[in-house]
C-alpha atoms as a PDB file:
ATOM      1  CA  ARG A   1     106.143 103.591  98.305  1.00  0.00           C
ATOM      2  CA  ASP A   2     108.084 100.513  97.277  1.00  0.00           C
ATOM      3  CA  LYS A   3     108.565 101.375  93.618  1.00  0.00           C
ATOM      4  CA  ASP A   4     108.193 104.151  91.099  1.00  0.00           C
ATOM      5  CA  PRO A   5     104.683 104.856  89.751  1.00  0.00           C
ATOM      6  CA  GLY A   6     103.571 102.953  86.681  1.00  0.00           C
ATOM      7  CA  VAL A   7     100.632 102.896  84.283  1.00  0.00           C
ATOM      8  CA  LYS A   8      98.135 100.105  84.981  1.00  0.00           C
ATOM      9  CA  PHE A   9      95.563 100.998  82.321  1.00  0.00           C
ATOM     10  CA  GLN A  10      95.366 103.478  79.474  1.00  0.00           C
ATOM     11  CA  PHE A  11      92.734 104.372  76.929  1.00  0.00           C
ATOM     12  CA  PRO A  12      92.953 104.067  74.068  1.00  0.00           C
ATOM     13  CA  GLU A  13      95.280 101.094  74.377  1.00  0.00           C
ATOM     14  CA  ASP A  14      97.292 102.202  71.326  1.00  0.00           C
ATOM     15  CA  PHE A  15      98.004 105.700  72.753  1.00  0.00           C
ATOM     16  CA  SER A  16     101.512 106.301  71.432  1.00  0.00           C
ATOM     17  CA  GLU A  17     102.732 109.407  73.274  1.00  0.00           C
ATOM     18  CA  GLU A  18     105.127 107.624  75.625  1.00  0.00           C
ATOM     19  CA  GLU A  19     106.883 110.861  76.592  1.00  0.00           C
ATOM     20  CA  SER A  20     103.613 112.389  77.832  1.00  0.00           C
ATOM     21  CA  CYS A  21     102.768 109.241  79.793  1.00  0.00           C
ATOM     22  CA  GLN A  22     106.149 109.157  81.516  1.00  0.00           C
ATOM     23  CA  ALA A  23     106.060 112.884  82.295  1.00  0.00           C
ATOM     24  CA  SER A  24     102.563 112.623  83.770  1.00  0.00           C
ATOM     25  CA  LEU A  25     103.749 109.961  86.251  1.00  0.00           C
ATOM     26  CA  LYS A  26     105.879 112.603  87.950  1.00  0.00           C
ATOM     27  CA  PHE A  27     102.750 114.685  88.560  1.00  0.00           C
ATOM     28  CA  CYS A  28     100.603 111.833  89.879  1.00  0.00           C
ATOM     29  CA  PHE A  29     102.572 111.648  93.135  1.00  0.00           C
ATOM     30  CA  PRO A  30     104.368 115.007  93.512  1.00  0.00           C
ATOM     31  CA  TYR A  31     105.255 114.343  97.160  1.00  0.00           C
ATOM     32  CA  ASP A  32     106.598 111.494  99.276  1.00  0.00           C
ATOM     33  CA  ILE A  33     103.466 109.494 100.075  1.00  0.00           C
ATOM     34  CA  GLN A  34     105.231 107.728 102.936  1.00  0.00           C
ATOM     35  CA  ARG A  35     105.530 111.061 104.751  1.00  0.00           C
ATOM     36  CA  ALA A  36     102.049 112.309 103.918  1.00  0.00           C
ATOM     37  CA  ARG A  37      99.757 111.917 106.900  1.00  0.00           C
ATOM     38  CA  ASP A  38      96.057 111.113 106.576  1.00  0.00           C
ATOM     39  CA  GLY A  39      94.129 114.215 105.620  1.00  0.00           C
ATOM     40  CA  VAL A  40      97.251 116.143 104.587  1.00  0.00           C
ATOM     41  CA  ALA A  41      97.597 114.801 101.046  1.00  0.00           C
ATOM     42  CA  VAL A  42      95.871 116.727  98.266  1.00  0.00           C
ATOM     43  CA  GLN A  43      92.995 114.650  96.914  1.00  0.00           C
ATOM     44  CA  HIS A  44      92.780 116.132  93.401  1.00  0.00           C
ATOM     45  CA  PHE A  45      94.757 118.586  91.320  1.00  0.00           C
ATOM     46  CA  THR A  46      95.481 119.692  87.763  1.00  0.00           C
ATOM     47  CA  PHE A  47      98.699 120.237  85.826  1.00  0.00           C
ATOM     48  CA  VAL A  48      99.890 121.336  82.381  1.00  0.00           C
ATOM     49  CA  LEU A  49     102.587 119.606  80.307  1.00  0.00           C
ATOM     50  CA  THR A  50     104.201 122.042  77.853  1.00  0.00           C
ATOM     51  CA  ASP A  51     106.562 120.799  75.148  1.00  0.00           C
ATOM     52  CA  LEU A  52     109.436 122.728  73.550  1.00  0.00           C
ATOM     53  CA  GLU A  53     107.131 124.079  70.834  1.00  0.00           C
ATOM     54  CA  GLY A  54     104.688 125.477  73.397  1.00  0.00           C
ATOM     55  CA  CYS A  55     101.971 122.872  72.819  1.00  0.00           C
ATOM     56  CA  GLN A  56     100.117 122.118  76.018  1.00  0.00           C
ATOM     57  CA  GLN A  57      98.439 119.004  77.391  1.00  0.00           C
ATOM     58  CA  PHE A  58      96.242 119.380  80.427  1.00  0.00           C
ATOM     59  CA  GLY A  59      96.019 116.760  83.129  1.00  0.00           C
ATOM     60  CA  PHE A  60      93.727 116.030  86.056  1.00  0.00           C
ATOM     61  CA  CYS A  61      94.718 113.732  88.926  1.00  0.00           C
ATOM     62  CA  ARG A  62      92.513 112.206  91.607  1.00  0.00           C
ATOM     63  CA  LEU A  63      94.061 110.254  94.468  1.00  0.00           C
ATOM     64  CA  THR A  64      92.331 107.405  96.252  1.00  0.00           C
ATOM     65  CA  SER A  65      91.887 107.734  99.988  1.00  0.00           C
ATOM     66  CA  SER A  66      94.839 105.379 100.539  1.00  0.00           C
ATOM     67  CA  THR A  67      97.081 107.619  98.348  1.00  0.00           C
ATOM     68  CA  GLN A  68      98.460 104.461  96.716  1.00  0.00           C
ATOM     69  CA  THR A  69      96.485 104.829  93.465  1.00  0.00           C
ATOM     70  CA  CYS A  70      95.985 107.872  91.268  1.00  0.00           C
ATOM     71  CA  LEU A  71      93.557 108.351  88.385  1.00  0.00           C
ATOM     72  CA  CYS A  72      95.214 110.642  85.836  1.00  0.00           C
ATOM     73  CA  ILE A  73      93.387 111.963  82.776  1.00  0.00           C
ATOM     74  CA  LEU A  74      95.327 113.764  80.012  1.00  0.00           C
END
């Protein structure tokens, strides 16, 4: 991976929870994709973001077969 993950598209476009977006990037690629061999990388997974007040946001990630792109739904 040449650079840190970034958001290419988001819906709605005016989604204003920047902290949630940045935190979710860490979950999109939780391992070093350069070291992940074909067939070893997890193809889909879920996660939960919990803030200091205990509010939770649930996320679902789906990796492409190349492991270079991840679809993440919060």
